[in-house]
Amino acid sequence: MPRFRKRLPGVEGPDKDLSGKRLKTEASAKVKNSSPKTPDSKTCDKNPSNYWLMKSEPESRLEKGVDVKFGIEDLKAQPKQTACWDGVRNYQARNFLRAMKLEEEAFFYHSNCKQPGIAGLMKIVKEAYPDHTQFDKRDPHYDPSSKEDNPKWSMVDVQFVRMLKRFISLAELKTYHEAHKATGGPLKNMALFTRQRLSIQPLTQEEFDFILSLEEKEPS
């Protein structure tokens, strides 16, 4: 039986944009159960919000012989519905991971798939600590320049909270973003479109609340 692995690039995976063109990817990463290691105390960017959007691939794709598939159903299937969010290899995305605090909520975003978008909610259950995959020579995200006494890369543990009442697609979010740029609405500066290549993105409370409200509405 294949090991479930979540795709966690530092930059966004090759989602199809609205023109159908694939974006360039960076990396993927595997899921392991929560580690007892202590949090990484490295300095990180100041947390701009208490909410996040985190991307992973729900469809099978081999990277260096390993299936990097990890959708929200795979998170639900983990022990205690909890997994580490490893494999991030972009400094800004890593700093966002380091800024996360216990119990903060994040949208689970399905990336690099037929219909990218937000599938559900999860929460942070362990703050940033060293990502073990950077030291594993067998892992696609092995980084020989990272040392155990001074690790470059961090991860957090996340836990499934719930599915959204309906899937909120990238196309729907794009429609609101474009409208809000003209009207000054909540999604006018959403990082999904202004920093779209990052796989870890901050959300303002206004953005989070607006997106959550969409599950009660018919798709636009």
N, C-alpha and C. Protein backbone atom coordinates (compact mmCIF):
# COMPACT_ATOMS: atom_id res chain seq x y z
N MET A 1 0.85 -1.18 0.00
CA MET A 1 0.00 0.00 0.00
C MET A 1 0.89 1.24 0.00
N PRO A 2 0.66 2.18 -0.90
CA PRO A 2 1.53 3.36 -0.98
C PRO A 2 1.41 4.21 0.27
N ARG A 3 2.53 4.86 0.61
CA ARG A 3 2.49 5.80 1.73
C ARG A 3 1.84 7.09 1.25
N PHE A 4 0.94 7.63 2.06
CA PHE A 4 0.40 8.93 1.72
C PHE A 4 1.47 9.98 1.94
N ARG A 5 1.60 10.87 0.99
CA ARG A 5 2.52 11.99 1.11
C ARG A 5 1.80 13.24 0.69
N LYS A 6 1.99 14.31 1.43
CA LYS A 6 1.34 15.55 1.05
C LYS A 6 2.28 16.39 0.23
N ARG A 7 1.73 17.11 -0.74
CA ARG A 7 2.55 17.96 -1.58
C ARG A 7 2.63 19.32 -0.93
N LEU A 8 3.82 19.67 -0.44
CA LEU A 8 3.96 20.92 0.29
C LEU A 8 5.14 21.72 -0.22
N PRO A 9 5.00 22.29 -1.40
CA PRO A 9 6.09 23.08 -1.92
C PRO A 9 6.18 24.41 -1.20
N GLY A 10 7.33 25.03 -1.27
CA GLY A 10 7.45 26.38 -0.74
C GLY A 10 6.71 27.36 -1.60
N VAL A 11 6.67 27.07 -2.90
CA VAL A 11 5.85 27.87 -3.79
C VAL A 11 4.71 27.01 -4.26
N GLU A 12 3.70 27.62 -4.79
CA GLU A 12 2.51 26.90 -5.21
C GLU A 12 2.84 25.87 -6.26
N GLY A 13 2.19 24.73 -6.17
CA GLY A 13 2.35 23.69 -7.16
C GLY A 13 1.71 24.10 -8.47
N PRO A 14 1.86 23.25 -9.49
CA PRO A 14 1.38 23.63 -10.81
C PRO A 14 -0.13 23.54 -10.94
N ASP A 15 -0.82 24.37 -10.14
CA ASP A 15 -2.24 24.53 -10.37
C ASP A 15 -2.46 24.98 -11.79
N LYS A 16 -3.56 24.58 -12.36
CA LYS A 16 -3.94 25.20 -13.61
C LYS A 16 -4.54 26.56 -13.26
N ASP A 17 -4.02 27.61 -13.89
CA ASP A 17 -4.66 28.89 -13.66
C ASP A 17 -5.93 28.94 -14.48
N LEU A 18 -6.61 30.07 -14.48
CA LEU A 18 -7.92 30.12 -15.12
C LEU A 18 -7.84 30.04 -16.63
N SER A 19 -6.64 30.17 -17.18
CA SER A 19 -6.48 30.00 -18.62
C SER A 19 -6.20 28.54 -18.98
N GLY A 20 -6.03 27.70 -17.94
CA GLY A 20 -5.73 26.30 -18.16
C GLY A 20 -4.25 26.00 -18.20
N LYS A 21 -3.41 27.04 -18.06
CA LYS A 21 -1.96 26.86 -18.09
C LYS A 21 -1.46 26.40 -16.73
N ARG A 22 -0.54 25.44 -16.73
CA ARG A 22 0.01 24.96 -15.46
C ARG A 22 1.12 25.88 -14.99
N LEU A 23 1.16 26.10 -13.68
CA LEU A 23 2.21 26.89 -13.08
C LEU A 23 3.35 25.98 -12.67
N LYS A 24 4.55 26.53 -12.58
CA LYS A 24 5.74 25.77 -12.20
C LYS A 24 5.68 25.36 -10.74
N THR A 25 6.15 24.14 -10.46
CA THR A 25 6.16 23.64 -9.10
C THR A 25 7.56 23.67 -8.50
N GLU A 26 7.66 23.51 -7.16
CA GLU A 26 8.97 23.39 -6.52
C GLU A 26 9.17 22.04 -5.90
N ALA A 27 8.28 21.61 -4.97
CA ALA A 27 8.59 20.42 -4.18
C ALA A 27 7.36 19.74 -3.64
N SER A 28 7.55 18.54 -3.06
CA SER A 28 6.49 17.84 -2.37
C SER A 28 7.04 17.26 -1.09
N ALA A 29 6.11 16.71 -0.25
CA ALA A 29 6.61 16.19 1.01
C ALA A 29 5.73 15.13 1.58
N LYS A 30 6.31 14.30 2.45
CA LYS A 30 5.56 13.18 2.97
C LYS A 30 4.94 13.49 4.31
N VAL A 31 3.90 12.73 4.63
CA VAL A 31 3.23 12.85 5.91
C VAL A 31 3.76 11.81 6.85
N LYS A 32 4.08 12.24 8.05
CA LYS A 32 4.38 11.31 9.13
C LYS A 32 3.59 11.76 10.34
N ASN A 33 3.44 10.87 11.30
CA ASN A 33 2.72 11.24 12.51
C ASN A 33 3.48 12.32 13.26
N SER A 34 2.78 12.99 14.15
CA SER A 34 3.33 14.10 14.90
C SER A 34 4.62 13.72 15.61
N SER A 35 5.62 14.62 15.55
CA SER A 35 6.91 14.37 16.18
C SER A 35 6.99 15.04 17.53
N PRO A 36 7.72 14.45 18.49
CA PRO A 36 7.85 15.05 19.81
C PRO A 36 8.91 16.13 19.88
N LYS A 37 9.54 16.46 18.74
CA LYS A 37 10.61 17.43 18.77
C LYS A 37 10.11 18.79 19.23
N THR A 38 11.01 19.56 19.81
CA THR A 38 10.63 20.88 20.31
C THR A 38 10.56 21.88 19.18
N PRO A 39 9.78 22.98 19.36
CA PRO A 39 9.63 23.96 18.30
C PRO A 39 10.94 24.63 17.94
N ASP A 40 11.06 25.02 16.67
CA ASP A 40 12.21 25.75 16.20
C ASP A 40 12.11 27.17 16.73
N SER A 41 13.16 27.66 17.34
CA SER A 41 13.12 28.98 17.96
C SER A 41 13.70 30.06 17.06
N LYS A 42 13.96 29.73 15.81
CA LYS A 42 14.50 30.71 14.89
C LYS A 42 13.59 31.92 14.76
N THR A 43 14.17 33.06 14.48
CA THR A 43 13.36 34.26 14.26
C THR A 43 12.55 34.11 13.00
N CYS A 44 11.31 34.57 13.02
CA CYS A 44 10.46 34.48 11.84
C CYS A 44 9.73 35.79 11.63
N ASP A 45 9.10 35.91 10.48
CA ASP A 45 8.33 37.10 10.18
C ASP A 45 7.22 37.28 11.20
N LYS A 46 6.88 38.51 11.45
CA LYS A 46 5.78 38.80 12.36
C LYS A 46 4.48 38.29 11.76
N ASN A 47 3.65 37.66 12.55
CA ASN A 47 2.42 37.06 12.07
C ASN A 47 1.42 38.15 11.67
N PRO A 48 1.05 38.23 10.39
CA PRO A 48 0.13 39.26 9.95
C PRO A 48 -1.33 38.91 10.19
N SER A 49 -1.60 37.69 10.61
CA SER A 49 -3.00 37.28 10.77
C SER A 49 -3.07 36.06 11.67
N ASN A 50 -4.28 35.67 12.00
CA ASN A 50 -4.49 34.44 12.76
C ASN A 50 -5.07 33.35 11.90
N TYR A 51 -5.13 33.57 10.60
CA TYR A 51 -5.75 32.63 9.68
C TYR A 51 -4.81 32.37 8.50
N TRP A 52 -4.98 31.19 7.91
CA TRP A 52 -4.04 30.77 6.87
C TRP A 52 -4.74 30.00 5.76
N LEU A 53 -4.07 29.92 4.62
CA LEU A 53 -4.47 29.04 3.52
C LEU A 53 -3.25 28.20 3.20
N MET A 54 -3.44 26.86 3.18
CA MET A 54 -2.33 25.94 2.98
C MET A 54 -2.68 24.97 1.86
N LYS A 55 -1.76 24.82 0.92
CA LYS A 55 -2.04 24.06 -0.29
C LYS A 55 -1.41 22.67 -0.27
N SER A 56 -2.15 21.72 -0.82
CA SER A 56 -1.64 20.36 -0.97
C SER A 56 -2.34 19.70 -2.15
N GLU A 57 -1.72 18.64 -2.67
CA GLU A 57 -2.23 17.99 -3.88
C GLU A 57 -3.11 16.79 -3.55
N PRO A 58 -4.35 16.77 -4.01
CA PRO A 58 -5.25 15.64 -3.74
C PRO A 58 -5.18 14.52 -4.77
N GLU A 59 -4.40 14.71 -5.83
CA GLU A 59 -4.31 13.71 -6.89
C GLU A 59 -2.90 13.14 -6.98
N SER A 60 -2.81 11.87 -7.35
CA SER A 60 -1.52 11.19 -7.39
C SER A 60 -0.56 11.85 -8.39
N ARG A 61 0.68 11.99 -7.95
CA ARG A 61 1.76 12.48 -8.81
C ARG A 61 3.07 11.98 -8.22
N LEU A 62 3.87 11.34 -9.04
CA LEU A 62 5.14 10.80 -8.56
C LEU A 62 6.22 11.86 -8.62
N GLU A 63 6.98 11.97 -7.54
CA GLU A 63 8.15 12.82 -7.50
C GLU A 63 9.30 12.00 -6.96
N LYS A 64 10.30 11.78 -7.80
CA LYS A 64 11.43 10.91 -7.45
C LYS A 64 10.94 9.56 -6.95
N GLY A 65 9.92 9.04 -7.63
CA GLY A 65 9.39 7.73 -7.33
C GLY A 65 8.43 7.66 -6.16
N VAL A 66 8.09 8.78 -5.59
CA VAL A 66 7.19 8.81 -4.43
C VAL A 66 5.90 9.54 -4.81
N ASP A 67 4.76 8.95 -4.43
CA ASP A 67 3.47 9.58 -4.69
C ASP A 67 3.26 10.71 -3.68
N VAL A 68 3.12 11.92 -4.17
CA VAL A 68 2.99 13.09 -3.29
C VAL A 68 1.54 13.46 -3.01
N LYS A 69 0.62 12.60 -3.39
CA LYS A 69 -0.80 12.85 -3.14
C LYS A 69 -1.08 13.02 -1.64
N PHE A 70 -1.80 14.09 -1.31
CA PHE A 70 -2.29 14.25 0.06
C PHE A 70 -3.41 15.28 0.06
N GLY A 71 -4.64 14.79 0.01
CA GLY A 71 -5.81 15.66 0.04
C GLY A 71 -6.41 15.68 1.43
N ILE A 72 -7.49 16.40 1.57
CA ILE A 72 -8.10 16.53 2.89
C ILE A 72 -8.63 15.19 3.40
N GLU A 73 -9.05 14.30 2.50
CA GLU A 73 -9.51 12.98 2.94
C GLU A 73 -8.34 12.17 3.53
N ASP A 74 -7.13 12.41 3.01
CA ASP A 74 -5.96 11.73 3.55
C ASP A 74 -5.64 12.25 4.95
N LEU A 75 -5.81 13.54 5.17
CA LEU A 75 -5.62 14.08 6.52
C LEU A 75 -6.63 13.47 7.48
N LYS A 76 -7.87 13.36 7.06
CA LYS A 76 -8.90 12.76 7.91
C LYS A 76 -8.55 11.32 8.28
N ALA A 77 -7.84 10.63 7.40
CA ALA A 77 -7.52 9.21 7.62
C ALA A 77 -6.31 9.01 8.53
N GLN A 78 -5.58 10.07 8.85
CA GLN A 78 -4.40 9.95 9.71
C GLN A 78 -4.81 9.71 11.17
N PRO A 79 -3.94 9.08 11.96
CA PRO A 79 -4.24 8.93 13.40
C PRO A 79 -4.54 10.28 14.05
N LYS A 80 -5.64 10.34 14.76
CA LYS A 80 -6.11 11.59 15.39
C LYS A 80 -6.35 12.69 14.37
N GLN A 81 -6.48 12.30 13.10
CA GLN A 81 -6.70 13.23 12.00
C GLN A 81 -5.66 14.35 12.01
N THR A 82 -4.42 13.97 12.32
CA THR A 82 -3.33 14.93 12.51
C THR A 82 -2.11 14.49 11.70
N ALA A 83 -1.41 15.46 11.11
CA ALA A 83 -0.20 15.16 10.35
C ALA A 83 0.74 16.36 10.40
N CYS A 84 2.02 16.11 10.14
CA CYS A 84 2.97 17.22 10.03
C CYS A 84 2.92 17.77 8.61
N TRP A 85 3.12 19.05 8.51
CA TRP A 85 3.07 19.76 7.22
C TRP A 85 4.51 20.05 6.82
N ASP A 86 5.14 19.08 6.16
CA ASP A 86 6.57 19.15 5.90
C ASP A 86 6.88 19.44 4.44
N GLY A 87 8.16 19.60 4.12
CA GLY A 87 8.60 19.73 2.74
C GLY A 87 8.62 21.14 2.18
N VAL A 88 8.31 22.14 2.98
CA VAL A 88 8.32 23.53 2.48
C VAL A 88 9.77 23.97 2.27
N ARG A 89 10.07 24.44 1.07
CA ARG A 89 11.44 24.82 0.74
C ARG A 89 11.50 26.22 0.13
N ASN A 90 10.72 27.10 0.65
CA ASN A 90 10.73 28.51 0.25
C ASN A 90 10.80 29.32 1.54
N TYR A 91 11.66 30.30 1.61
CA TYR A 91 11.89 30.99 2.87
C TYR A 91 10.68 31.78 3.37
N GLN A 92 9.96 32.43 2.46
CA GLN A 92 8.79 33.18 2.91
C GLN A 92 7.71 32.25 3.43
N ALA A 93 7.48 31.15 2.70
CA ALA A 93 6.50 30.17 3.16
C ALA A 93 6.94 29.56 4.49
N ARG A 94 8.23 29.25 4.62
CA ARG A 94 8.75 28.74 5.89
C ARG A 94 8.51 29.73 7.03
N ASN A 95 8.75 31.01 6.77
CA ASN A 95 8.55 32.01 7.82
C ASN A 95 7.09 32.11 8.24
N PHE A 96 6.20 31.91 7.29
CA PHE A 96 4.77 31.87 7.66
C PHE A 96 4.50 30.68 8.57
N LEU A 97 5.10 29.53 8.26
CA LEU A 97 4.94 28.37 9.14
C LEU A 97 5.44 28.70 10.55
N ARG A 98 6.57 29.36 10.63
CA ARG A 98 7.15 29.71 11.93
C ARG A 98 6.31 30.73 12.69
N ALA A 99 5.48 31.48 11.96
CA ALA A 99 4.63 32.48 12.60
C ALA A 99 3.33 31.90 13.16
N MET A 100 3.00 30.67 12.78
CA MET A 100 1.73 30.07 13.19
C MET A 100 1.71 29.76 14.68
N LYS A 101 0.54 29.95 15.29
CA LYS A 101 0.34 29.69 16.71
C LYS A 101 -0.71 28.61 16.92
N LEU A 102 -0.64 27.96 18.07
CA LEU A 102 -1.60 26.90 18.40
C LEU A 102 -3.03 27.36 18.23
N GLU A 103 -3.85 26.48 17.67
CA GLU A 103 -5.30 26.67 17.50
C GLU A 103 -5.68 27.63 16.39
N GLU A 104 -4.69 28.23 15.71
CA GLU A 104 -5.05 29.06 14.57
C GLU A 104 -5.63 28.18 13.47
N GLU A 105 -6.57 28.73 12.72
CA GLU A 105 -7.28 27.96 11.70
C GLU A 105 -6.69 28.21 10.31
N ALA A 106 -6.80 27.19 9.48
CA ALA A 106 -6.31 27.29 8.10
C ALA A 106 -7.28 26.59 7.17
N PHE A 107 -7.43 27.16 5.99
CA PHE A 107 -8.17 26.48 4.93
C PHE A 107 -7.26 25.44 4.29
N PHE A 108 -7.79 24.25 4.05
CA PHE A 108 -7.08 23.21 3.30
C PHE A 108 -7.44 23.41 1.83
N TYR A 109 -6.45 23.82 1.05
CA TYR A 109 -6.65 24.16 -0.36
C TYR A 109 -6.10 23.04 -1.23
N HIS A 110 -6.94 22.52 -2.12
CA HIS A 110 -6.52 21.50 -3.07
C HIS A 110 -5.86 22.18 -4.27
N SER A 111 -4.61 21.82 -4.51
CA SER A 111 -3.81 22.46 -5.55
C SER A 111 -3.38 21.44 -6.60
N ASN A 112 -2.99 21.95 -7.77
CA ASN A 112 -2.46 21.08 -8.84
C ASN A 112 -3.40 19.92 -9.13
N CYS A 113 -4.64 20.25 -9.41
CA CYS A 113 -5.66 19.22 -9.65
C CYS A 113 -6.69 19.75 -10.64
N LYS A 114 -7.64 18.90 -11.00
CA LYS A 114 -8.62 19.29 -12.01
C LYS A 114 -9.44 20.50 -11.58
N GLN A 115 -9.80 20.55 -10.30
CA GLN A 115 -10.55 21.70 -9.79
C GLN A 115 -9.91 22.19 -8.49
N PRO A 116 -8.95 23.11 -8.59
CA PRO A 116 -8.35 23.64 -7.37
C PRO A 116 -9.33 24.49 -6.58
N GLY A 117 -9.15 24.49 -5.26
CA GLY A 117 -10.02 25.30 -4.42
C GLY A 117 -9.97 24.84 -2.98
N ILE A 118 -10.83 25.43 -2.15
CA ILE A 118 -10.84 25.18 -0.72
C ILE A 118 -11.81 24.07 -0.38
N ALA A 119 -11.29 23.04 0.30
CA ALA A 119 -12.10 21.86 0.61
C ALA A 119 -12.58 21.83 2.06
N GLY A 120 -11.80 22.40 2.97
CA GLY A 120 -12.17 22.28 4.37
C GLY A 120 -11.31 23.11 5.29
N LEU A 121 -11.48 22.85 6.58
CA LEU A 121 -10.78 23.58 7.63
C LEU A 121 -9.90 22.64 8.45
N MET A 122 -8.76 23.17 8.88
CA MET A 122 -7.90 22.46 9.83
C MET A 122 -7.36 23.49 10.81
N LYS A 123 -6.66 23.02 11.84
CA LYS A 123 -6.09 23.94 12.82
C LYS A 123 -4.67 23.52 13.15
N ILE A 124 -3.90 24.47 13.66
CA ILE A 124 -2.52 24.23 14.04
C ILE A 124 -2.51 23.61 15.44
N VAL A 125 -1.91 22.43 15.57
CA VAL A 125 -1.88 21.75 16.86
C VAL A 125 -0.46 21.60 17.40
N LYS A 126 0.54 21.96 16.61
CA LYS A 126 1.91 22.05 17.11
C LYS A 126 2.63 23.13 16.33
N GLU A 127 3.26 24.05 17.05
CA GLU A 127 3.96 25.14 16.41
C GLU A 127 5.26 24.64 15.76
N ALA A 128 5.89 25.53 15.00
CA ALA A 128 7.01 25.15 14.13
C ALA A 128 8.15 24.45 14.86
N TYR A 129 8.65 23.40 14.23
CA TYR A 129 9.82 22.65 14.71
C TYR A 129 10.54 22.12 13.49
N PRO A 130 11.79 21.65 13.63
CA PRO A 130 12.57 21.27 12.44
C PRO A 130 11.90 20.20 11.59
N ASP A 131 11.93 20.42 10.30
CA ASP A 131 11.37 19.48 9.32
C ASP A 131 12.37 18.34 9.11
N HIS A 132 11.97 17.13 9.48
CA HIS A 132 12.86 15.97 9.40
C HIS A 132 13.27 15.63 7.98
N THR A 133 12.47 16.00 6.99
CA THR A 133 12.76 15.58 5.62
C THR A 133 14.02 16.24 5.06
N GLN A 134 14.44 17.36 5.63
CA GLN A 134 15.63 18.04 5.13
C GLN A 134 16.90 17.23 5.39
N PHE A 135 16.83 16.28 6.33
CA PHE A 135 18.00 15.48 6.69
C PHE A 135 17.96 14.06 6.12
N ASP A 136 16.88 13.72 5.44
CA ASP A 136 16.67 12.36 4.94
C ASP A 136 17.12 12.27 3.48
N LYS A 137 18.23 11.59 3.24
CA LYS A 137 18.79 11.50 1.89
C LYS A 137 17.86 10.79 0.91
N ARG A 138 16.93 10.01 1.43
CA ARG A 138 15.99 9.29 0.57
C ARG A 138 14.79 10.14 0.20
N ASP A 139 14.65 11.28 0.84
CA ASP A 139 13.46 12.12 0.64
C ASP A 139 13.69 13.12 -0.50
N PRO A 140 12.65 13.38 -1.31
CA PRO A 140 12.80 14.36 -2.39
C PRO A 140 13.19 15.75 -1.89
N HIS A 141 12.99 16.01 -0.60
CA HIS A 141 13.26 17.35 -0.07
C HIS A 141 14.51 17.41 0.79
N TYR A 142 15.34 16.42 0.63
CA TYR A 142 16.64 16.42 1.32
C TYR A 142 17.43 17.67 0.93
N ASP A 143 17.99 18.33 1.93
CA ASP A 143 18.78 19.53 1.70
C ASP A 143 20.15 19.34 2.36
N PRO A 144 21.17 19.01 1.58
CA PRO A 144 22.49 18.74 2.15
C PRO A 144 23.12 19.96 2.81
N SER A 145 22.62 21.15 2.50
CA SER A 145 23.18 22.36 3.10
C SER A 145 22.60 22.66 4.48
N SER A 146 21.56 21.93 4.87
CA SER A 146 20.93 22.14 6.17
C SER A 146 21.55 21.22 7.21
N LYS A 147 21.89 21.78 8.36
CA LYS A 147 22.55 21.02 9.41
C LYS A 147 21.63 20.84 10.61
N GLU A 148 21.75 19.71 11.28
CA GLU A 148 20.87 19.41 12.41
C GLU A 148 21.01 20.40 13.55
N ASP A 149 22.21 20.99 13.70
CA ASP A 149 22.38 21.98 14.76
C ASP A 149 21.99 23.38 14.32
N ASN A 150 21.62 23.51 13.04
CA ASN A 150 21.16 24.79 12.51
C ASN A 150 20.24 24.54 11.32
N PRO A 151 19.06 23.93 11.56
CA PRO A 151 18.18 23.54 10.45
C PRO A 151 17.58 24.75 9.74
N LYS A 152 17.50 24.63 8.42
CA LYS A 152 16.93 25.71 7.61
C LYS A 152 15.40 25.68 7.59
N TRP A 153 14.83 24.47 7.65
CA TRP A 153 13.42 24.30 7.30
C TRP A 153 12.59 23.83 8.49
N SER A 154 11.37 24.33 8.54
CA SER A 154 10.47 24.03 9.65
C SER A 154 9.15 23.46 9.14
N MET A 155 8.42 22.85 10.06
CA MET A 155 7.07 22.35 9.76
C MET A 155 6.19 22.55 10.99
N VAL A 156 4.90 22.43 10.79
CA VAL A 156 3.93 22.45 11.89
C VAL A 156 3.10 21.19 11.82
N ASP A 157 2.35 20.91 12.87
CA ASP A 157 1.36 19.83 12.83
C ASP A 157 -0.02 20.44 12.68
N VAL A 158 -0.83 19.83 11.85
CA VAL A 158 -2.20 20.29 11.61
C VAL A 158 -3.18 19.17 11.93
N GLN A 159 -4.40 19.56 12.27
CA GLN A 159 -5.46 18.60 12.57
C GLN A 159 -6.73 18.98 11.81
N PHE A 160 -7.34 17.98 11.22
CA PHE A 160 -8.61 18.18 10.51
C PHE A 160 -9.66 18.75 11.46
N VAL A 161 -10.41 19.75 11.00
CA VAL A 161 -11.53 20.31 11.76
C VAL A 161 -12.86 19.90 11.13
N ARG A 162 -13.05 20.25 9.88
CA ARG A 162 -14.28 19.85 9.19
C ARG A 162 -14.17 20.14 7.70
N MET A 163 -15.01 19.49 6.92
CA MET A 163 -15.18 19.83 5.52
C MET A 163 -16.02 21.10 5.44
N LEU A 164 -15.79 21.90 4.41
CA LEU A 164 -16.73 22.99 4.16
C LEU A 164 -18.04 22.40 3.66
N LYS A 165 -19.11 23.14 3.83
CA LYS A 165 -20.42 22.66 3.40
C LYS A 165 -20.48 22.46 1.89
N ARG A 166 -19.63 23.19 1.19
CA ARG A 166 -19.46 22.95 -0.24
C ARG A 166 -18.05 23.36 -0.63
N PHE A 167 -17.56 22.82 -1.71
CA PHE A 167 -16.23 23.13 -2.21
C PHE A 167 -16.24 24.54 -2.81
N ILE A 168 -15.27 25.35 -2.46
CA ILE A 168 -15.19 26.72 -2.98
C ILE A 168 -14.01 26.77 -3.95
N SER A 169 -14.32 26.88 -5.22
CA SER A 169 -13.31 26.72 -6.27
C SER A 169 -12.45 27.97 -6.44
N LEU A 170 -11.27 27.76 -7.02
CA LEU A 170 -10.40 28.87 -7.40
C LEU A 170 -11.12 29.83 -8.33
N ALA A 171 -11.89 29.29 -9.28
CA ALA A 171 -12.59 30.14 -10.23
C ALA A 171 -13.59 31.07 -9.52
N GLU A 172 -14.30 30.54 -8.53
CA GLU A 172 -15.25 31.37 -7.78
C GLU A 172 -14.53 32.45 -6.99
N LEU A 173 -13.44 32.07 -6.33
CA LEU A 173 -12.67 33.04 -5.56
C LEU A 173 -12.10 34.13 -6.47
N LYS A 174 -11.67 33.74 -7.67
CA LYS A 174 -11.14 34.70 -8.64
C LYS A 174 -12.20 35.71 -9.05
N THR A 175 -13.43 35.24 -9.22
CA THR A 175 -14.52 36.14 -9.58
C THR A 175 -14.71 37.21 -8.52
N TYR A 176 -14.72 36.78 -7.25
CA TYR A 176 -14.88 37.75 -6.16
C TYR A 176 -13.67 38.68 -6.06
N HIS A 177 -12.48 38.12 -6.24
CA HIS A 177 -11.27 38.95 -6.18
C HIS A 177 -11.32 40.07 -7.21
N GLU A 178 -11.67 39.73 -8.43
CA GLU A 178 -11.73 40.74 -9.49
C GLU A 178 -12.80 41.79 -9.18
N ALA A 179 -13.96 41.35 -8.68
CA ALA A 179 -15.02 42.30 -8.34
C ALA A 179 -14.59 43.19 -7.17
N HIS A 180 -13.93 42.59 -6.18
CA HIS A 180 -13.55 43.34 -4.98
C HIS A 180 -12.42 44.32 -5.25
N LYS A 181 -11.59 44.05 -6.25
CA LYS A 181 -10.57 45.03 -6.62
C LYS A 181 -11.21 46.34 -7.07
N ALA A 182 -12.37 46.24 -7.68
CA ALA A 182 -13.06 47.44 -8.16
C ALA A 182 -13.89 48.10 -7.06
N THR A 183 -14.41 47.28 -6.15
CA THR A 183 -15.35 47.83 -5.14
C THR A 183 -14.73 47.99 -3.75
N GLY A 184 -13.50 47.45 -3.57
CA GLY A 184 -12.90 47.51 -2.25
C GLY A 184 -13.39 46.44 -1.31
N GLY A 185 -13.84 45.32 -1.86
CA GLY A 185 -14.37 44.22 -1.05
C GLY A 185 -13.28 43.43 -0.35
N PRO A 186 -13.67 42.44 0.47
CA PRO A 186 -12.74 41.71 1.33
C PRO A 186 -11.60 40.99 0.61
N LEU A 187 -11.82 40.51 -0.61
CA LEU A 187 -10.80 39.71 -1.29
C LEU A 187 -9.93 40.52 -2.24
N LYS A 188 -9.98 41.83 -2.13
CA LYS A 188 -9.26 42.67 -3.10
C LYS A 188 -7.75 42.43 -3.10
N ASN A 189 -7.19 42.12 -1.93
CA ASN A 189 -5.75 41.90 -1.82
C ASN A 189 -5.39 40.48 -1.42
N MET A 190 -6.28 39.53 -1.65
CA MET A 190 -6.06 38.17 -1.20
C MET A 190 -4.77 37.59 -1.78
N ALA A 191 -3.94 37.00 -0.91
CA ALA A 191 -2.64 36.49 -1.33
C ALA A 191 -2.74 35.38 -2.37
N LEU A 192 -3.85 34.68 -2.42
CA LEU A 192 -4.04 33.63 -3.42
C LEU A 192 -3.85 34.17 -4.83
N PHE A 193 -4.08 35.48 -5.00
CA PHE A 193 -3.94 36.11 -6.31
C PHE A 193 -2.79 37.11 -6.37
N THR A 194 -2.42 37.70 -5.25
CA THR A 194 -1.31 38.66 -5.25
C THR A 194 0.04 38.01 -4.97
N ARG A 195 0.02 36.85 -4.29
CA ARG A 195 1.25 36.06 -4.05
C ARG A 195 0.93 34.60 -4.34
N GLN A 196 0.41 34.37 -5.52
CA GLN A 196 -0.24 33.11 -5.84
C GLN A 196 0.69 31.90 -5.83
N ARG A 197 1.99 32.11 -5.96
CA ARG A 197 2.89 30.96 -6.04
C ARG A 197 3.23 30.39 -4.67
N LEU A 198 2.96 31.12 -3.60
CA LEU A 198 3.25 30.61 -2.26
C LEU A 198 2.24 29.54 -1.85
N SER A 199 2.73 28.46 -1.27
CA SER A 199 1.84 27.39 -0.83
C SER A 199 1.31 27.62 0.58
N ILE A 200 1.94 28.52 1.33
CA ILE A 200 1.48 28.90 2.66
C ILE A 200 1.19 30.38 2.61
N GLN A 201 -0.06 30.76 2.88
CA GLN A 201 -0.46 32.16 2.71
C GLN A 201 -1.26 32.65 3.91
N PRO A 202 -0.99 33.89 4.35
CA PRO A 202 -1.78 34.46 5.44
C PRO A 202 -3.12 34.98 4.92
N LEU A 203 -4.10 34.97 5.79
CA LEU A 203 -5.41 35.55 5.50
C LEU A 203 -5.77 36.54 6.60
N THR A 204 -6.37 37.65 6.22
CA THR A 204 -6.92 38.55 7.23
C THR A 204 -8.22 37.94 7.76
N GLN A 205 -8.66 38.44 8.90
CA GLN A 205 -9.94 37.95 9.43
C GLN A 205 -11.08 38.27 8.48
N GLU A 206 -11.01 39.44 7.84
CA GLU A 206 -12.05 39.81 6.87
C GLU A 206 -12.10 38.83 5.72
N GLU A 207 -10.94 38.46 5.20
CA GLU A 207 -10.88 37.48 4.11
C GLU A 207 -11.41 36.13 4.57
N PHE A 208 -10.94 35.68 5.72
CA PHE A 208 -11.37 34.38 6.24
C PHE A 208 -12.88 34.34 6.44
N ASP A 209 -13.43 35.35 7.08
CA ASP A 209 -14.87 35.37 7.35
C ASP A 209 -15.69 35.41 6.07
N PHE A 210 -15.22 36.18 5.09
CA PHE A 210 -15.96 36.25 3.82
C PHE A 210 -15.96 34.91 3.11
N ILE A 211 -14.78 34.28 3.03
CA ILE A 211 -14.70 32.98 2.36
C ILE A 211 -15.57 31.95 3.07
N LEU A 212 -15.54 31.96 4.40
CA LEU A 212 -16.35 31.01 5.15
C LEU A 212 -17.83 31.23 4.89
N SER A 213 -18.23 32.48 4.70
CA SER A 213 -19.65 32.78 4.44
C SER A 213 -20.12 32.23 3.11
N LEU A 214 -19.18 31.99 2.19
CA LEU A 214 -19.56 31.51 0.87
C LEU A 214 -20.14 30.11 0.90
N GLU A 215 -19.77 29.32 1.91
CA GLU A 215 -20.29 27.94 1.97
C GLU A 215 -21.80 27.92 2.15
N GLU A 216 -22.37 29.02 2.63
CA GLU A 216 -23.83 29.10 2.83
C GLU A 216 -24.56 29.57 1.59
N LYS A 217 -23.79 29.97 0.55
CA LYS A 217 -24.38 30.54 -0.65
C LYS A 217 -24.24 29.59 -1.83
N GLU A 218 -25.07 29.79 -2.81
CA GLU A 218 -24.93 29.05 -4.07
C GLU A 218 -23.69 29.55 -4.79
N PRO A 219 -22.99 28.69 -5.53
CA PRO A 219 -21.81 29.15 -6.27
C PRO A 219 -22.15 30.29 -7.20
N SER A 220 -21.26 31.26 -7.28
CA SER A 220 -21.51 32.44 -8.14
C SER A 220 -21.26 32.08 -9.60
